N, C-alpha and C. Protein backbone atom coordinates (compact mmCIF):
# COMPACT_ATOMS: atom_id res chain seq x y z
N UNK A 1 24.67 13.17 -52.95
CA UNK A 1 25.22 14.49 -52.74
C UNK A 1 26.73 14.40 -52.73
N UNK A 2 27.35 15.37 -53.28
CA UNK A 2 28.81 15.40 -53.37
C UNK A 2 29.36 16.01 -52.09
N UNK A 3 30.30 15.33 -51.43
CA UNK A 3 30.89 15.81 -50.19
C UNK A 3 32.32 16.28 -50.40
N UNK A 4 32.57 16.94 -51.46
CA UNK A 4 33.89 17.44 -51.78
C UNK A 4 33.98 18.90 -51.36
N UNK A 5 35.07 19.28 -50.71
CA UNK A 5 35.22 20.67 -50.25
C UNK A 5 35.33 21.64 -51.41
N UNK A 6 35.76 21.16 -52.56
CA UNK A 6 35.92 22.02 -53.72
C UNK A 6 34.64 22.08 -54.56
N UNK A 7 33.60 21.40 -54.12
CA UNK A 7 32.35 21.37 -54.86
C UNK A 7 31.66 22.72 -54.81
N UNK A 8 31.09 23.12 -55.90
CA UNK A 8 30.35 24.38 -55.96
C UNK A 8 28.85 24.12 -56.05
N UNK A 9 28.42 23.04 -55.42
CA UNK A 9 27.02 22.67 -55.42
C UNK A 9 26.23 23.70 -54.63
N UNK A 10 25.23 24.26 -55.24
CA UNK A 10 24.41 25.28 -54.60
C UNK A 10 23.18 24.67 -53.96
N UNK A 11 22.55 23.72 -54.62
CA UNK A 11 21.32 23.12 -54.11
C UNK A 11 21.27 21.67 -54.54
N UNK A 12 20.78 20.86 -53.65
CA UNK A 12 20.62 19.45 -53.96
C UNK A 12 19.20 19.03 -53.61
N UNK A 13 18.59 18.21 -54.44
CA UNK A 13 17.24 17.74 -54.14
C UNK A 13 17.26 16.57 -53.17
N UNK A 14 18.46 16.05 -52.85
CA UNK A 14 18.54 14.95 -51.91
C UNK A 14 18.22 15.39 -50.49
N UNK A 15 18.59 16.59 -50.15
CA UNK A 15 18.31 17.13 -48.82
C UNK A 15 17.60 18.45 -49.00
N UNK A 16 17.03 18.92 -47.97
CA UNK A 16 16.34 20.20 -48.06
C UNK A 16 15.15 20.20 -47.12
N UNK A 17 14.37 21.21 -47.21
CA UNK A 17 13.24 21.36 -46.31
C UNK A 17 11.93 21.07 -47.02
N UNK A 18 11.91 20.07 -47.82
CA UNK A 18 10.69 19.69 -48.51
C UNK A 18 9.85 18.87 -47.55
N UNK A 19 8.66 19.35 -47.27
CA UNK A 19 7.77 18.67 -46.31
C UNK A 19 6.77 17.80 -47.05
N UNK A 20 6.50 16.67 -46.47
CA UNK A 20 5.43 15.81 -46.97
C UNK A 20 4.13 16.29 -46.36
N UNK A 21 3.06 16.23 -47.11
CA UNK A 21 1.75 16.65 -46.62
C UNK A 21 1.14 15.51 -45.83
N UNK A 22 1.36 15.53 -44.51
CA UNK A 22 0.85 14.48 -43.64
C UNK A 22 -0.45 14.87 -42.96
N UNK A 23 -1.00 16.03 -43.32
CA UNK A 23 -2.22 16.48 -42.66
C UNK A 23 -3.39 15.60 -43.08
N UNK A 24 -4.25 15.27 -42.12
CA UNK A 24 -5.41 14.44 -42.47
C UNK A 24 -6.39 15.23 -43.33
N UNK A 25 -7.17 14.52 -44.09
CA UNK A 25 -8.16 15.14 -44.95
C UNK A 25 -9.27 15.76 -44.09
N UNK A 26 -9.56 17.04 -44.36
CA UNK A 26 -10.60 17.71 -43.60
C UNK A 26 -11.96 17.38 -44.19
N UNK A 27 -12.95 17.35 -43.34
CA UNK A 27 -14.32 17.14 -43.77
C UNK A 27 -15.11 18.38 -43.41
N UNK A 28 -15.76 18.96 -44.40
CA UNK A 28 -16.54 20.17 -44.19
C UNK A 28 -17.99 19.79 -43.93
N UNK A 29 -18.53 20.33 -42.85
CA UNK A 29 -19.90 20.03 -42.45
C UNK A 29 -20.87 20.98 -43.12
N UNK A 30 -21.90 20.44 -43.68
CA UNK A 30 -22.97 21.23 -44.26
C UNK A 30 -24.23 21.06 -43.44
N UNK A 31 -25.22 21.89 -43.71
CA UNK A 31 -26.48 21.79 -42.98
C UNK A 31 -27.54 21.03 -43.78
N UNK A 32 -27.11 20.38 -44.85
CA UNK A 32 -28.04 19.61 -45.66
C UNK A 32 -28.59 20.39 -46.85
N UNK A 33 -28.32 21.69 -46.87
CA UNK A 33 -28.79 22.53 -47.97
C UNK A 33 -27.57 23.12 -48.67
N UNK A 34 -27.48 22.90 -49.97
CA UNK A 34 -26.39 23.45 -50.76
C UNK A 34 -26.84 24.82 -51.26
N UNK A 35 -26.02 25.84 -50.99
CA UNK A 35 -26.36 27.20 -51.40
C UNK A 35 -25.44 27.64 -52.54
N UNK A 36 -26.07 28.18 -53.58
CA UNK A 36 -25.34 28.66 -54.76
C UNK A 36 -25.57 30.16 -54.86
N UNK A 37 -24.48 30.91 -54.93
CA UNK A 37 -24.63 32.36 -55.07
C UNK A 37 -23.57 32.91 -56.00
N UNK A 38 -23.85 34.09 -56.53
CA UNK A 38 -22.92 34.78 -57.41
C UNK A 38 -22.24 35.87 -56.61
N UNK A 39 -20.92 35.95 -56.68
CA UNK A 39 -20.17 36.95 -55.94
C UNK A 39 -19.22 37.70 -56.86
N UNK A 40 -19.02 38.99 -56.56
CA UNK A 40 -18.04 39.79 -57.28
C UNK A 40 -17.12 40.54 -56.32
N UNK A 41 -17.45 40.59 -55.04
CA UNK A 41 -16.67 41.39 -54.10
C UNK A 41 -15.27 40.82 -53.92
N UNK A 42 -14.28 41.71 -53.96
CA UNK A 42 -12.90 41.31 -53.79
C UNK A 42 -12.29 40.64 -55.01
N UNK A 43 -12.97 40.71 -56.15
CA UNK A 43 -12.47 40.04 -57.35
C UNK A 43 -12.36 41.00 -58.53
N UNK A 44 -12.26 42.28 -58.24
CA UNK A 44 -12.09 43.32 -59.26
C UNK A 44 -13.20 43.28 -60.31
N UNK A 45 -14.44 43.03 -59.87
CA UNK A 45 -15.58 43.03 -60.77
C UNK A 45 -15.84 41.73 -61.50
N UNK A 46 -14.93 40.79 -61.39
CA UNK A 46 -15.12 39.49 -62.05
C UNK A 46 -16.07 38.65 -61.21
N UNK A 47 -17.09 38.10 -61.83
CA UNK A 47 -18.08 37.31 -61.11
C UNK A 47 -17.70 35.85 -61.02
N UNK A 48 -17.95 35.27 -59.87
CA UNK A 48 -17.78 33.83 -59.68
C UNK A 48 -19.04 33.29 -59.03
N UNK A 49 -19.31 32.03 -59.25
CA UNK A 49 -20.43 31.36 -58.61
C UNK A 49 -19.86 30.48 -57.51
N UNK A 50 -20.34 30.67 -56.28
CA UNK A 50 -19.83 29.89 -55.15
C UNK A 50 -20.87 28.86 -54.72
N UNK A 51 -20.39 27.68 -54.37
CA UNK A 51 -21.23 26.59 -53.92
C UNK A 51 -20.78 26.23 -52.51
N UNK A 52 -21.67 26.38 -51.52
CA UNK A 52 -21.32 26.10 -50.13
C UNK A 52 -22.31 25.10 -49.54
N UNK A 53 -21.92 24.51 -48.42
CA UNK A 53 -22.81 23.64 -47.68
C UNK A 53 -22.78 22.18 -48.09
N UNK A 54 -21.77 21.77 -48.85
CA UNK A 54 -21.68 20.37 -49.27
C UNK A 54 -20.90 19.61 -48.21
N UNK A 55 -21.47 18.51 -47.74
CA UNK A 55 -20.88 17.72 -46.66
C UNK A 55 -19.98 16.62 -47.24
N UNK A 56 -18.75 17.01 -47.64
CA UNK A 56 -17.79 16.08 -48.23
C UNK A 56 -16.40 16.37 -47.68
N UNK A 57 -15.49 15.40 -47.82
CA UNK A 57 -14.10 15.66 -47.43
C UNK A 57 -13.36 16.33 -48.58
N UNK A 58 -12.09 16.67 -48.36
CA UNK A 58 -11.31 17.41 -49.35
C UNK A 58 -11.26 16.74 -50.71
N UNK A 59 -10.92 15.46 -50.73
CA UNK A 59 -10.74 14.76 -52.00
C UNK A 59 -12.05 14.68 -52.79
N UNK A 60 -13.14 14.35 -52.10
CA UNK A 60 -14.44 14.25 -52.78
C UNK A 60 -14.93 15.62 -53.24
N UNK A 61 -14.62 16.66 -52.46
CA UNK A 61 -15.03 18.02 -52.83
C UNK A 61 -14.29 18.47 -54.09
N UNK A 62 -13.00 18.14 -54.18
CA UNK A 62 -12.23 18.48 -55.38
C UNK A 62 -12.73 17.72 -56.59
N UNK A 63 -13.12 16.45 -56.40
CA UNK A 63 -13.65 15.67 -57.51
C UNK A 63 -14.98 16.24 -58.00
N UNK A 64 -15.83 16.65 -57.05
CA UNK A 64 -17.10 17.26 -57.42
C UNK A 64 -16.87 18.59 -58.14
N UNK A 65 -15.91 19.38 -57.66
CA UNK A 65 -15.60 20.65 -58.30
C UNK A 65 -15.12 20.43 -59.74
N UNK A 66 -14.33 19.41 -59.94
CA UNK A 66 -13.85 19.10 -61.28
C UNK A 66 -15.02 18.75 -62.20
N UNK A 67 -15.95 17.96 -61.69
CA UNK A 67 -17.12 17.56 -62.48
C UNK A 67 -17.97 18.79 -62.82
N UNK A 68 -18.16 19.69 -61.86
CA UNK A 68 -18.97 20.89 -62.10
C UNK A 68 -18.28 21.84 -63.07
N UNK A 69 -16.97 21.97 -62.98
CA UNK A 69 -16.22 22.82 -63.90
C UNK A 69 -16.34 22.30 -65.33
N UNK A 70 -16.31 20.98 -65.48
CA UNK A 70 -16.44 20.39 -66.81
C UNK A 70 -17.83 20.63 -67.38
N UNK A 71 -18.87 20.56 -66.52
CA UNK A 71 -20.24 20.82 -66.98
C UNK A 71 -20.40 22.25 -67.46
N UNK A 72 -19.73 23.18 -66.78
CA UNK A 72 -19.85 24.60 -67.12
C UNK A 72 -18.81 25.04 -68.15
N UNK A 73 -17.89 24.16 -68.48
CA UNK A 73 -16.81 24.48 -69.43
C UNK A 73 -16.04 25.72 -69.01
N UNK A 74 -15.65 25.76 -67.77
CA UNK A 74 -14.93 26.91 -67.25
C UNK A 74 -13.98 26.48 -66.14
N UNK A 75 -13.25 27.42 -65.60
CA UNK A 75 -12.30 27.13 -64.53
C UNK A 75 -12.91 27.37 -63.17
N UNK A 76 -12.14 27.08 -62.16
CA UNK A 76 -12.61 27.29 -60.80
C UNK A 76 -11.63 26.69 -59.81
N UNK A 77 -12.02 26.71 -58.53
CA UNK A 77 -11.15 26.20 -57.48
C UNK A 77 -11.98 25.80 -56.27
N UNK A 78 -11.30 25.19 -55.29
CA UNK A 78 -11.91 24.87 -54.00
C UNK A 78 -11.09 25.57 -52.94
N UNK A 79 -11.73 26.41 -52.13
CA UNK A 79 -11.06 27.13 -51.05
C UNK A 79 -11.86 26.98 -49.77
N UNK A 80 -11.26 26.37 -48.76
CA UNK A 80 -11.89 26.23 -47.44
C UNK A 80 -13.29 25.64 -47.50
N UNK A 81 -13.48 24.63 -48.32
CA UNK A 81 -14.76 23.95 -48.40
C UNK A 81 -15.78 24.64 -49.29
N UNK A 82 -15.37 25.69 -50.00
CA UNK A 82 -16.26 26.43 -50.90
C UNK A 82 -15.77 26.21 -52.33
N UNK A 83 -16.68 25.77 -53.18
CA UNK A 83 -16.34 25.59 -54.59
C UNK A 83 -16.61 26.91 -55.31
N UNK A 84 -15.61 27.41 -56.02
CA UNK A 84 -15.76 28.64 -56.80
C UNK A 84 -15.64 28.30 -58.28
N UNK A 85 -16.68 28.66 -59.03
CA UNK A 85 -16.72 28.43 -60.47
C UNK A 85 -16.70 29.79 -61.15
N UNK A 86 -15.81 29.99 -62.11
CA UNK A 86 -15.71 31.28 -62.79
C UNK A 86 -16.94 31.54 -63.64
N UNK A 87 -17.51 32.74 -63.50
CA UNK A 87 -18.67 33.14 -64.28
C UNK A 87 -19.97 32.88 -63.54
N UNK A 88 -21.08 33.24 -64.18
CA UNK A 88 -22.41 33.06 -63.59
C UNK A 88 -23.04 31.80 -64.18
N UNK A 89 -23.00 30.71 -63.42
CA UNK A 89 -23.52 29.42 -63.87
C UNK A 89 -24.49 28.84 -62.85
N UNK A 90 -25.27 29.69 -62.21
CA UNK A 90 -26.15 29.23 -61.12
C UNK A 90 -27.17 28.20 -61.60
N UNK A 91 -27.78 28.42 -62.72
CA UNK A 91 -28.82 27.50 -63.19
C UNK A 91 -28.25 26.13 -63.57
N UNK A 92 -27.10 26.11 -64.27
CA UNK A 92 -26.47 24.84 -64.63
C UNK A 92 -26.07 24.06 -63.39
N UNK A 93 -25.47 24.79 -62.42
CA UNK A 93 -25.00 24.12 -61.21
C UNK A 93 -26.17 23.59 -60.39
N UNK A 94 -27.26 24.35 -60.34
CA UNK A 94 -28.43 23.90 -59.58
C UNK A 94 -28.98 22.61 -60.16
N UNK A 95 -29.15 22.57 -61.47
CA UNK A 95 -29.71 21.36 -62.08
C UNK A 95 -28.76 20.17 -61.92
N UNK A 96 -27.46 20.40 -62.03
CA UNK A 96 -26.49 19.31 -61.90
C UNK A 96 -26.44 18.76 -60.48
N UNK A 97 -26.46 19.65 -59.49
CA UNK A 97 -26.42 19.20 -58.09
C UNK A 97 -27.71 18.51 -57.68
N UNK A 98 -28.85 18.94 -58.24
CA UNK A 98 -30.11 18.26 -57.96
C UNK A 98 -30.12 16.86 -58.56
N UNK A 99 -29.48 16.68 -59.72
CA UNK A 99 -29.36 15.34 -60.30
C UNK A 99 -28.55 14.42 -59.41
N UNK A 100 -27.58 15.01 -58.69
CA UNK A 100 -26.73 14.23 -57.79
C UNK A 100 -27.39 13.98 -56.44
N UNK A 101 -28.60 14.51 -56.25
CA UNK A 101 -29.35 14.22 -55.02
C UNK A 101 -29.22 15.24 -53.92
N UNK A 102 -28.67 16.43 -54.19
CA UNK A 102 -28.52 17.46 -53.18
C UNK A 102 -29.75 18.37 -53.15
N UNK A 103 -30.08 18.88 -51.98
CA UNK A 103 -31.12 19.89 -51.87
C UNK A 103 -30.45 21.25 -52.09
N UNK A 104 -30.90 21.98 -53.10
CA UNK A 104 -30.20 23.18 -53.55
C UNK A 104 -31.08 24.41 -53.40
N UNK A 105 -30.46 25.52 -52.94
CA UNK A 105 -31.13 26.81 -52.90
C UNK A 105 -30.25 27.84 -53.57
N UNK A 106 -30.86 28.74 -54.33
CA UNK A 106 -30.14 29.87 -54.90
C UNK A 106 -30.15 30.98 -53.85
N UNK A 107 -28.99 31.39 -53.38
CA UNK A 107 -28.88 32.41 -52.35
C UNK A 107 -28.47 33.73 -52.98
N UNK A 108 -28.72 34.80 -52.29
CA UNK A 108 -28.34 36.12 -52.78
C UNK A 108 -29.36 36.68 -53.75
N UNK A 109 -28.98 37.75 -54.42
CA UNK A 109 -29.93 38.46 -55.29
C UNK A 109 -29.77 38.22 -56.70
């Protein structure tokens, strides 16, 4: 960083309020049954398939979400221990999760 009084430095990456993510990895508890449902509420009519009840930590849950997104050839995310896959892919997700050894139920209507 330049310590000159005549410097017109506005921002420096050497200092600042950049925080390191020191939070421990969270583990989401499931009841042993993975539930797959289709939701549209709060998404302006766009349907997503949600997968809940998987007993994994953050890193493993993100890795599983990536694998499921690749199987469905679509996008998605992980929010608060819930995997959201864009579109209606309940049957594909059920068969894939059963191959991985999970007990799966289709929830909702």
